[in-house]
Amino acid sequence: MALTRDSKSQLISDFKVNPSDTGSPEVQIAVLTARISYLTEHFRAHRKDHASRRGLLMMVSRRKRLLEYIKRHNAERYKQVIERLGIRK
């Protein structure tokens, strides 16, 4: 199943920078990563779903831009995010 309300709120609480945070780059990257991993599993069973594949590519591009933004402004936060999410090398 796709990202539920409870799992999304759990991600937000895990990655928020301050108590009222819902839209920081870290939170956005975490939510996008969860959606990307779900769609990756979806494509193992539904290989011909090209419309959703386009959406996946757009999500990957958005996550890449957000990661570049964090890396440009604060390299330490960038390292923490990729380590916690298990993305990159």
PDB file of N, CA and C in Angstrom:
ATOM      1  N   MET A   1       0.836  -1.175   0.000  1.00  0.00           N
ATOM      2  CA  MET A   1       0.000   0.000   0.000  1.00  0.00           C
ATOM      3  C   MET A   1       0.883   1.240   0.000  1.00  0.00           C
ATOM      4  N   ALA A   2       0.367   2.292  -0.554  1.00  0.00           N
ATOM      5  CA  ALA A   2       1.122   3.544  -0.636  1.00  0.00           C
ATOM      6  C   ALA A   2       1.337   4.140   0.755  1.00  0.00           C
ATOM      7  N   LEU A   3       1.968   5.262   0.787  1.00  0.00           N
ATOM      8  CA  LEU A   3       2.292   5.944   2.035  1.00  0.00           C
ATOM      9  C   LEU A   3       1.011   6.359   2.761  1.00  0.00           C
ATOM     10  N   THR A   4       0.789   5.802   3.947  1.00  0.00           N
ATOM     11  CA  THR A   4      -0.417   6.121   4.706  1.00  0.00           C
ATOM     12  C   THR A   4      -0.201   7.380   5.532  1.00  0.00           C
ATOM     13  N   ARG A   5      -1.265   7.881   6.071  1.00  0.00           N
ATOM     14  CA  ARG A   5      -1.201   9.094   6.883  1.00  0.00           C
ATOM     15  C   ARG A   5      -0.331   8.871   8.121  1.00  0.00           C
ATOM     16  N   ASP A   6      -0.474   7.697   8.740  1.00  0.00           N
ATOM     17  CA  ASP A   6       0.309   7.401   9.939  1.00  0.00           C
ATOM     18  C   ASP A   6       1.797   7.268   9.629  1.00  0.00           C
ATOM     19  N   SER A   7       2.119   6.578   8.546  1.00  0.00           N
ATOM     20  CA  SER A   7       3.536   6.413   8.206  1.00  0.00           C
ATOM     21  C   SER A   7       4.160   7.747   7.785  1.00  0.00           C
ATOM     22  N   LYS A   8       3.375   8.592   7.124  1.00  0.00           N
ATOM     23  CA  LYS A   8       3.889   9.899   6.736  1.00  0.00           C
ATOM     24  C   LYS A   8       4.120  10.776   7.964  1.00  0.00           C
ATOM     25  N   SER A   9       3.198  10.753   8.916  1.00  0.00           N
ATOM     26  CA  SER A   9       3.394  11.546  10.129  1.00  0.00           C
ATOM     27  C   SER A   9       4.563  11.014  10.948  1.00  0.00           C
ATOM     28  N   GLN A  10       4.797   9.709  10.903  1.00  0.00           N
ATOM     29  CA  GLN A  10       5.958   9.128  11.581  1.00  0.00           C
ATOM     30  C   GLN A  10       7.256   9.608  10.933  1.00  0.00           C
ATOM     31  N   LEU A  11       7.291   9.640   9.606  1.00  0.00           N
ATOM     32  CA  LEU A  11       8.464  10.158   8.904  1.00  0.00           C
ATOM     33  C   LEU A  11       8.714  11.623   9.246  1.00  0.00           C
ATOM     34  N   ILE A  12       7.652  12.399   9.286  1.00  0.00           N
ATOM     35  CA  ILE A  12       7.792  13.820   9.606  1.00  0.00           C
ATOM     36  C   ILE A  12       8.347  13.991  11.005  1.00  0.00           C
ATOM     37  N   SER A  13       7.826  13.220  11.957  1.00  0.00           N
ATOM     38  CA  SER A  13       8.320  13.357  13.332  1.00  0.00           C
ATOM     39  C   SER A  13       9.768  12.882  13.469  1.00  0.00           C
ATOM     40  N   ASP A  14      10.182  11.927  12.659  1.00  0.00           N
ATOM     41  CA  ASP A  14      11.561  11.435  12.716  1.00  0.00           C
ATOM     42  C   ASP A  14      12.562  12.419  12.126  1.00  0.00           C
ATOM     43  N   PHE A  15      12.170  13.144  11.088  1.00  0.00           N
ATOM     44  CA  PHE A  15      13.113  13.984  10.354  1.00  0.00           C
ATOM     45  C   PHE A  15      12.922  15.485  10.546  1.00  0.00           C
ATOM     46  N   LYS A  16      11.966  15.890  11.377  1.00  0.00           N
ATOM     47  CA  LYS A  16      11.736  17.327  11.526  1.00  0.00           C
ATOM     48  C   LYS A  16      12.912  18.006  12.231  1.00  0.00           C
ATOM     49  N   VAL A  17      13.151  19.251  11.838  1.00  0.00           N
ATOM     50  CA  VAL A  17      14.271  20.024  12.359  1.00  0.00           C
ATOM     51  C   VAL A  17      13.866  20.760  13.635  1.00  0.00           C
ATOM     52  N   ASN A  18      12.639  21.280  13.667  1.00  0.00           N
ATOM     53  CA  ASN A  18      12.128  21.933  14.870  1.00  0.00           C
ATOM     54  C   ASN A  18      10.722  21.409  15.142  1.00  0.00           C
ATOM     55  N   PRO A  19      10.143  21.693  16.306  1.00  0.00           N
ATOM     56  CA  PRO A  19       8.852  21.085  16.686  1.00  0.00           C
ATOM     57  C   PRO A  19       7.687  21.327  15.734  1.00  0.00           C
ATOM     58  N   SER A  20       7.647  22.469  15.065  1.00  0.00           N
ATOM     59  CA  SER A  20       6.524  22.754  14.174  1.00  0.00           C
ATOM     60  C   SER A  20       6.872  22.536  12.709  1.00  0.00           C
ATOM     61  N   ASP A  21       7.885  21.767  12.441  1.00  0.00           N
ATOM     62  CA  ASP A  21       8.402  21.582  11.088  1.00  0.00           C
ATOM     63  C   ASP A  21       7.609  20.528  10.325  1.00  0.00           C
ATOM     64  N   THR A  22       7.201  20.845   9.107  1.00  0.00           N
ATOM     65  CA  THR A  22       6.579  19.851   8.233  1.00  0.00           C
ATOM     66  C   THR A  22       7.114  19.921   6.815  1.00  0.00           C
ATOM     67  N   GLY A  23       7.897  20.949   6.486  1.00  0.00           N
ATOM     68  CA  GLY A  23       8.301  21.111   5.102  1.00  0.00           C
ATOM     69  C   GLY A  23       9.768  21.351   4.884  1.00  0.00           C
ATOM     70  N   SER A  24      10.602  21.032   5.840  1.00  0.00           N
ATOM     71  CA  SER A  24      12.036  21.227   5.642  1.00  0.00           C
ATOM     72  C   SER A  24      12.534  20.254   4.573  1.00  0.00           C
ATOM     73  N   PRO A  25      13.670  20.526   3.971  1.00  0.00           N
ATOM     74  CA  PRO A  25      14.186  19.622   2.937  1.00  0.00           C
ATOM     75  C   PRO A  25      14.385  18.194   3.448  1.00  0.00           C
ATOM     76  N   GLU A  26      14.781  18.037   4.708  1.00  0.00           N
ATOM     77  CA  GLU A  26      14.974  16.701   5.260  1.00  0.00           C
ATOM     78  C   GLU A  26      13.669  15.909   5.267  1.00  0.00           C
ATOM     79  N   VAL A  27      12.586  16.561   5.669  1.00  0.00           N
ATOM     80  CA  VAL A  27      11.279  15.903   5.705  1.00  0.00           C
ATOM     81  C   VAL A  27      10.831  15.565   4.293  1.00  0.00           C
ATOM     82  N   GLN A  28      10.995  16.500   3.369  1.00  0.00           N
ATOM     83  CA  GLN A  28      10.586  16.259   1.988  1.00  0.00           C
ATOM     84  C   GLN A  28      11.357  15.096   1.377  1.00  0.00           C
ATOM     85  N   ILE A  29      12.655  15.020   1.663  1.00  0.00           N
ATOM     86  CA  ILE A  29      13.479  13.939   1.133  1.00  0.00           C
ATOM     87  C   ILE A  29      13.044  12.603   1.720  1.00  0.00           C
ATOM     88  N   ALA A  30      12.728  12.576   3.001  1.00  0.00           N
ATOM     89  CA  ALA A  30      12.296  11.333   3.642  1.00  0.00           C
ATOM     90  C   ALA A  30      10.984  10.835   3.054  1.00  0.00           C
ATOM     91  N   VAL A  31      10.038  11.728   2.833  1.00  0.00           N
ATOM     92  CA  VAL A  31       8.748  11.346   2.267  1.00  0.00           C
ATOM     93  C   VAL A  31       8.930  10.866   0.824  1.00  0.00           C
ATOM     94  N   LEU A  32       9.728  11.589   0.060  1.00  0.00           N
ATOM     95  CA  LEU A  32       9.981  11.172  -1.327  1.00  0.00           C
ATOM     96  C   LEU A  32      10.668   9.811  -1.375  1.00  0.00           C
ATOM     97  N   THR A  33      11.599   9.562  -0.465  1.00  0.00           N
ATOM     98  CA  THR A  33      12.298   8.282  -0.443  1.00  0.00           C
ATOM     99  C   THR A  33      11.331   7.141  -0.164  1.00  0.00           C
ATOM    100  N   ALA A  34      10.388   7.350   0.751  1.00  0.00           N
ATOM    101  CA  ALA A  34       9.390   6.322   1.038  1.00  0.00           C
ATOM    102  C   ALA A  34       8.522   6.049  -0.188  1.00  0.00           C
ATOM    103  N   ARG A  35       8.105   7.105  -0.875  1.00  0.00           N
ATOM    104  CA  ARG A  35       7.283   6.924  -2.073  1.00  0.00           C
ATOM    105  C   ARG A  35       8.067   6.257  -3.195  1.00  0.00           C
ATOM    106  N   ILE A  36       9.342   6.616  -3.336  1.00  0.00           N
ATOM    107  CA  ILE A  36      10.190   6.017  -4.369  1.00  0.00           C
ATOM    108  C   ILE A  36      10.384   4.534  -4.111  1.00  0.00           C
ATOM    109  N   SER A  37      10.612   4.160  -2.864  1.00  0.00           N
ATOM    110  CA  SER A  37      10.808   2.736  -2.560  1.00  0.00           C
ATOM    111  C   SER A  37       9.525   1.945  -2.799  1.00  0.00           C
ATOM    112  N   TYR A  38       8.364   2.544  -2.493  1.00  0.00           N
ATOM    113  CA  TYR A  38       7.103   1.872  -2.772  1.00  0.00           C
ATOM    114  C   TYR A  38       6.924   1.658  -4.275  1.00  0.00           C
ATOM    115  N   LEU A  39       7.181   2.690  -5.070  1.00  0.00           N
ATOM    116  CA  LEU A  39       7.005   2.560  -6.512  1.00  0.00           C
ATOM    117  C   LEU A  39       8.010   1.599  -7.124  1.00  0.00           C
ATOM    118  N   THR A  40       9.197   1.531  -6.565  1.00  0.00           N
ATOM    119  CA  THR A  40      10.194   0.582  -7.067  1.00  0.00           C
ATOM    120  C   THR A  40       9.693  -0.847  -6.907  1.00  0.00           C
ATOM    121  N   GLU A  41       9.095  -1.135  -5.758  1.00  0.00           N
ATOM    122  CA  GLU A  41       8.507  -2.463  -5.552  1.00  0.00           C
ATOM    123  C   GLU A  41       7.311  -2.689  -6.481  1.00  0.00           C
ATOM    124  N   HIS A  42       6.530  -1.647  -6.707  1.00  0.00           N
ATOM    125  CA  HIS A  42       5.365  -1.730  -7.581  1.00  0.00           C
ATOM    126  C   HIS A  42       5.777  -2.146  -8.999  1.00  0.00           C
ATOM    127  N   PHE A  43       6.905  -1.620  -9.466  1.00  0.00           N
ATOM    128  CA  PHE A  43       7.334  -1.913 -10.838  1.00  0.00           C
ATOM    129  C   PHE A  43       7.903  -3.313 -10.998  1.00  0.00           C
ATOM    130  N   ARG A  44       8.228  -3.968  -9.925  1.00  0.00           N
ATOM    131  CA  ARG A  44       8.666  -5.363 -10.050  1.00  0.00           C
ATOM    132  C   ARG A  44       7.499  -6.250 -10.485  1.00  0.00           C
ATOM    133  N   ALA A  45       6.288  -5.898 -10.067  1.00  0.00           N
ATOM    134  CA  ALA A  45       5.109  -6.671 -10.444  1.00  0.00           C
ATOM    135  C   ALA A  45       4.411  -6.108 -11.684  1.00  0.00           C
ATOM    136  N   HIS A  46       4.502  -4.805 -11.906  1.00  0.00           N
ATOM    137  CA  HIS A  46       3.787  -4.150 -13.008  1.00  0.00           C
ATOM    138  C   HIS A  46       4.796  -3.457 -13.923  1.00  0.00           C
ATOM    139  N   ARG A  47       5.444  -4.228 -14.738  1.00  0.00           N
ATOM    140  CA  ARG A  47       6.530  -3.723 -15.574  1.00  0.00           C
ATOM    141  C   ARG A  47       6.072  -2.735 -16.647  1.00  0.00           C
ATOM    142  N   LYS A  48       4.832  -2.813 -17.071  1.00  0.00           N
ATOM    143  CA  LYS A  48       4.377  -1.981 -18.183  1.00  0.00           C
ATOM    144  C   LYS A  48       3.634  -0.719 -17.732  1.00  0.00           C
ATOM    145  N   ASP A  49       3.727  -0.375 -16.483  1.00  0.00           N
ATOM    146  CA  ASP A  49       3.052   0.813 -15.954  1.00  0.00           C
ATOM    147  C   ASP A  49       3.927   2.041 -16.214  1.00  0.00           C
ATOM    148  N   HIS A  50       3.886   2.529 -17.447  1.00  0.00           N
ATOM    149  CA  HIS A  50       4.789   3.605 -17.848  1.00  0.00           C
ATOM    150  C   HIS A  50       4.373   4.965 -17.313  1.00  0.00           C
ATOM    151  N   ALA A  51       3.090   5.183 -17.093  1.00  0.00           N
ATOM    152  CA  ALA A  51       2.639   6.467 -16.555  1.00  0.00           C
ATOM    153  C   ALA A  51       3.173   6.671 -15.141  1.00  0.00           C
ATOM    154  N   SER A  52       3.124   5.641 -14.330  1.00  0.00           N
ATOM    155  CA  SER A  52       3.664   5.742 -12.975  1.00  0.00           C
ATOM    156  C   SER A  52       5.181   5.829 -12.988  1.00  0.00           C
ATOM    157  N   ARG A  53       5.799   5.221 -13.976  1.00  0.00           N
ATOM    158  CA  ARG A  53       7.263   5.284 -14.084  1.00  0.00           C
ATOM    159  C   ARG A  53       7.716   6.731 -14.324  1.00  0.00           C
ATOM    160  N   ARG A  54       6.943   7.467 -15.089  1.00  0.00           N
ATOM    161  CA  ARG A  54       7.265   8.879 -15.307  1.00  0.00           C
ATOM    162  C   ARG A  54       7.183   9.643 -13.988  1.00  0.00           C
ATOM    163  N   GLY A  55       6.166   9.364 -13.204  1.00  0.00           N
ATOM    164  CA  GLY A  55       6.046   9.991 -11.890  1.00  0.00           C
ATOM    165  C   GLY A  55       7.206   9.640 -10.985  1.00  0.00           C
ATOM    166  N   LEU A  56       7.657   8.400 -11.059  1.00  0.00           N
ATOM    167  CA  LEU A  56       8.811   7.969 -10.267  1.00  0.00           C
ATOM    168  C   LEU A  56      10.055   8.758 -10.669  1.00  0.00           C
ATOM    169  N   LEU A  57      10.272   8.923 -11.944  1.00  0.00           N
ATOM    170  CA  LEU A  57      11.434   9.673 -12.404  1.00  0.00           C
ATOM    171  C   LEU A  57      11.371  11.130 -11.964  1.00  0.00           C
ATOM    172  N   MET A  58      10.173  11.700 -11.945  1.00  0.00           N
ATOM    173  CA  MET A  58      10.032  13.076 -11.479  1.00  0.00           C
ATOM    174  C   MET A  58      10.325  13.175  -9.983  1.00  0.00           C
ATOM    175  N   MET A  59       9.895  12.165  -9.206  1.00  0.00           N
ATOM    176  CA  MET A  59      10.192  12.156  -7.771  1.00  0.00           C
ATOM    177  C   MET A  59      11.680  12.017  -7.504  1.00  0.00           C
ATOM    178  N   VAL A  60      12.342  11.165  -8.275  1.00  0.00           N
ATOM    179  CA  VAL A  60      13.786  10.980  -8.108  1.00  0.00           C
ATOM    180  C   VAL A  60      14.512  12.284  -8.419  1.00  0.00           C
ATOM    181  N   SER A  61      14.069  12.990  -9.456  1.00  0.00           N
ATOM    182  CA  SER A  61      14.688  14.271  -9.806  1.00  0.00           C
ATOM    183  C   SER A  61      14.475  15.314  -8.718  1.00  0.00           C
ATOM    184  N   ARG A  62      13.275  15.355  -8.159  1.00  0.00           N
ATOM    185  CA  ARG A  62      12.991  16.315  -7.097  1.00  0.00           C
ATOM    186  C   ARG A  62      13.842  16.018  -5.862  1.00  0.00           C
ATOM    187  N   ARG A  63      13.970  14.729  -5.512  1.00  0.00           N
ATOM    188  CA  ARG A  63      14.795  14.354  -4.365  1.00  0.00           C
ATOM    189  C   ARG A  63      16.254  14.723  -4.616  1.00  0.00           C
ATOM    190  N   LYS A  64      16.711  14.535  -5.834  1.00  0.00           N
ATOM    191  CA  LYS A  64      18.085  14.888  -6.173  1.00  0.00           C
ATOM    192  C   LYS A  64      18.333  16.378  -6.012  1.00  0.00           C
ATOM    193  N   ARG A  65      17.383  17.199  -6.471  1.00  0.00           N
ATOM    194  CA  ARG A  65      17.524  18.643  -6.316  1.00  0.00           C
ATOM    195  C   ARG A  65      17.525  19.058  -4.854  1.00  0.00           C
ATOM    196  N   LEU A  66      16.671  18.447  -4.044  1.00  0.00           N
ATOM    197  CA  LEU A  66      16.644  18.770  -2.615  1.00  0.00           C
ATOM    198  C   LEU A  66      17.940  18.357  -1.926  1.00  0.00           C
ATOM    199  N   LEU A  67      18.484  17.208  -2.311  1.00  0.00           N
ATOM    200  CA  LEU A  67      19.756  16.771  -1.739  1.00  0.00           C
ATOM    201  C   LEU A  67      20.886  17.722  -2.125  1.00  0.00           C
ATOM    202  N   GLU A  68      20.882  18.182  -3.361  1.00  0.00           N
ATOM    203  CA  GLU A  68      21.894  19.142  -3.788  1.00  0.00           C
ATOM    204  C   GLU A  68      21.771  20.451  -3.018  1.00  0.00           C
ATOM    205  N   TYR A  69      20.535  20.875  -2.739  1.00  0.00           N
ATOM    206  CA  TYR A  69      20.306  22.096  -1.967  1.00  0.00           C
ATOM    207  C   TYR A  69      20.896  21.960  -0.565  1.00  0.00           C
ATOM    208  N   ILE A  70      20.617  20.849   0.100  1.00  0.00           N
ATOM    209  CA  ILE A  70      21.148  20.645   1.447  1.00  0.00           C
ATOM    210  C   ILE A  70      22.666  20.572   1.412  1.00  0.00           C
ATOM    211  N   LYS A  71      23.201  19.875   0.436  1.00  0.00           N
ATOM    212  CA  LYS A  71      24.658  19.733   0.336  1.00  0.00           C
ATOM    213  C   LYS A  71      25.324  21.090   0.126  1.00  0.00           C
ATOM    214  N   ARG A  72      24.693  21.938  -0.653  1.00  0.00           N
ATOM    215  CA  ARG A  72      25.238  23.263  -0.930  1.00  0.00           C
ATOM    216  C   ARG A  72      25.217  24.154   0.306  1.00  0.00           C
ATOM    217  N   HIS A  73      24.165  24.039   1.134  1.00  0.00           N
ATOM    218  CA  HIS A  73      24.020  24.922   2.290  1.00  0.00           C
ATOM    219  C   HIS A  73      24.632  24.373   3.570  1.00  0.00           C
ATOM    220  N   ASN A  74      24.587  23.058   3.756  1.00  0.00           N
ATOM    221  CA  ASN A  74      25.106  22.489   4.996  1.00  0.00           C
ATOM    222  C   ASN A  74      25.505  21.036   4.744  1.00  0.00           C
ATOM    223  N   ALA A  75      26.792  20.811   4.561  1.00  0.00           N
ATOM    224  CA  ALA A  75      27.287  19.481   4.211  1.00  0.00           C
ATOM    225  C   ALA A  75      27.058  18.470   5.329  1.00  0.00           C
ATOM    226  N   GLU A  76      27.090  18.919   6.574  1.00  0.00           N
ATOM    227  CA  GLU A  76      26.892  17.995   7.694  1.00  0.00           C
ATOM    228  C   GLU A  76      25.455  17.462   7.720  1.00  0.00           C
ATOM    229  N   ARG A  77      24.482  18.334   7.490  1.00  0.00           N
ATOM    230  CA  ARG A  77      23.085  17.886   7.418  1.00  0.00           C
ATOM    231  C   ARG A  77      22.892  16.920   6.267  1.00  0.00           C
ATOM    232  N   TYR A  78      23.556  17.166   5.144  1.00  0.00           N
ATOM    233  CA  TYR A  78      23.487  16.289   3.978  1.00  0.00           C
ATOM    234  C   TYR A  78      23.971  14.886   4.341  1.00  0.00           C
ATOM    235  N   LYS A  79      25.108  14.812   5.015  1.00  0.00           N
ATOM    236  CA  LYS A  79      25.657  13.513   5.403  1.00  0.00           C
ATOM    237  C   LYS A  79      24.728  12.777   6.357  1.00  0.00           C
ATOM    238  N   GLN A  80      24.125  13.499   7.283  1.00  0.00           N
ATOM    239  CA  GLN A  80      23.206  12.878   8.229  1.00  0.00           C
ATOM    240  C   GLN A  80      21.972  12.326   7.531  1.00  0.00           C
ATOM    241  N   VAL A  81      21.439  13.074   6.587  1.00  0.00           N
ATOM    242  CA  VAL A  81      20.224  12.645   5.884  1.00  0.00           C
ATOM    243  C   VAL A  81      20.489  11.392   5.059  1.00  0.00           C
ATOM    244  N   ILE A  82      21.555  11.388   4.280  1.00  0.00           N
ATOM    245  CA  ILE A  82      21.802  10.215   3.436  1.00  0.00           C
ATOM    246  C   ILE A  82      22.170   8.996   4.273  1.00  0.00           C
ATOM    247  N   GLU A  83      22.792   9.221   5.409  1.00  0.00           N
ATOM    248  CA  GLU A  83      23.121   8.089   6.289  1.00  0.00           C
ATOM    249  C   GLU A  83      21.869   7.503   6.926  1.00  0.00           C
ATOM    250  N   ARG A  84      20.970   8.371   7.403  1.00  0.00           N
ATOM    251  CA  ARG A  84      19.750   7.899   8.047  1.00  0.00           C
ATOM    252  C   ARG A  84      18.804   7.203   7.076  1.00  0.00           C
ATOM    253  N   LEU A  85      18.765   7.674   5.820  1.00  0.00           N
ATOM    254  CA  LEU A  85      17.858   7.091   4.843  1.00  0.00           C
ATOM    255  C   LEU A  85      18.482   5.913   4.098  1.00  0.00           C
ATOM    256  N   GLY A  86      19.789   5.789   4.167  1.00  0.00           N
ATOM    257  CA  GLY A  86      20.436   4.672   3.479  1.00  0.00           C
ATOM    258  C   GLY A  86      20.485   4.867   1.967  1.00  0.00           C
ATOM    259  N   ILE A  87      20.570   6.115   1.518  1.00  0.00           N
ATOM    260  CA  ILE A  87      20.698   6.360   0.084  1.00  0.00           C
ATOM    261  C   ILE A  87      22.114   6.821  -0.195  1.00  0.00           C
ATOM    262  N   ARG A  88      22.533   6.681  -1.394  1.00  0.00           N
ATOM    263  CA  ARG A  88      23.910   6.997  -1.838  1.00  0.00           C
ATOM    264  C   ARG A  88      24.880   5.979  -1.273  1.00  0.00           C
ATOM    265  N   LYS A  89      26.138   6.183  -1.637  1.00  0.00           N
ATOM    266  CA  LYS A  89      27.179   5.261  -1.209  1.00  0.00           C
ATOM    267  C   LYS A  89      27.681   5.609   0.167  1.00  0.00           C
TER     268      LYS A  89
END
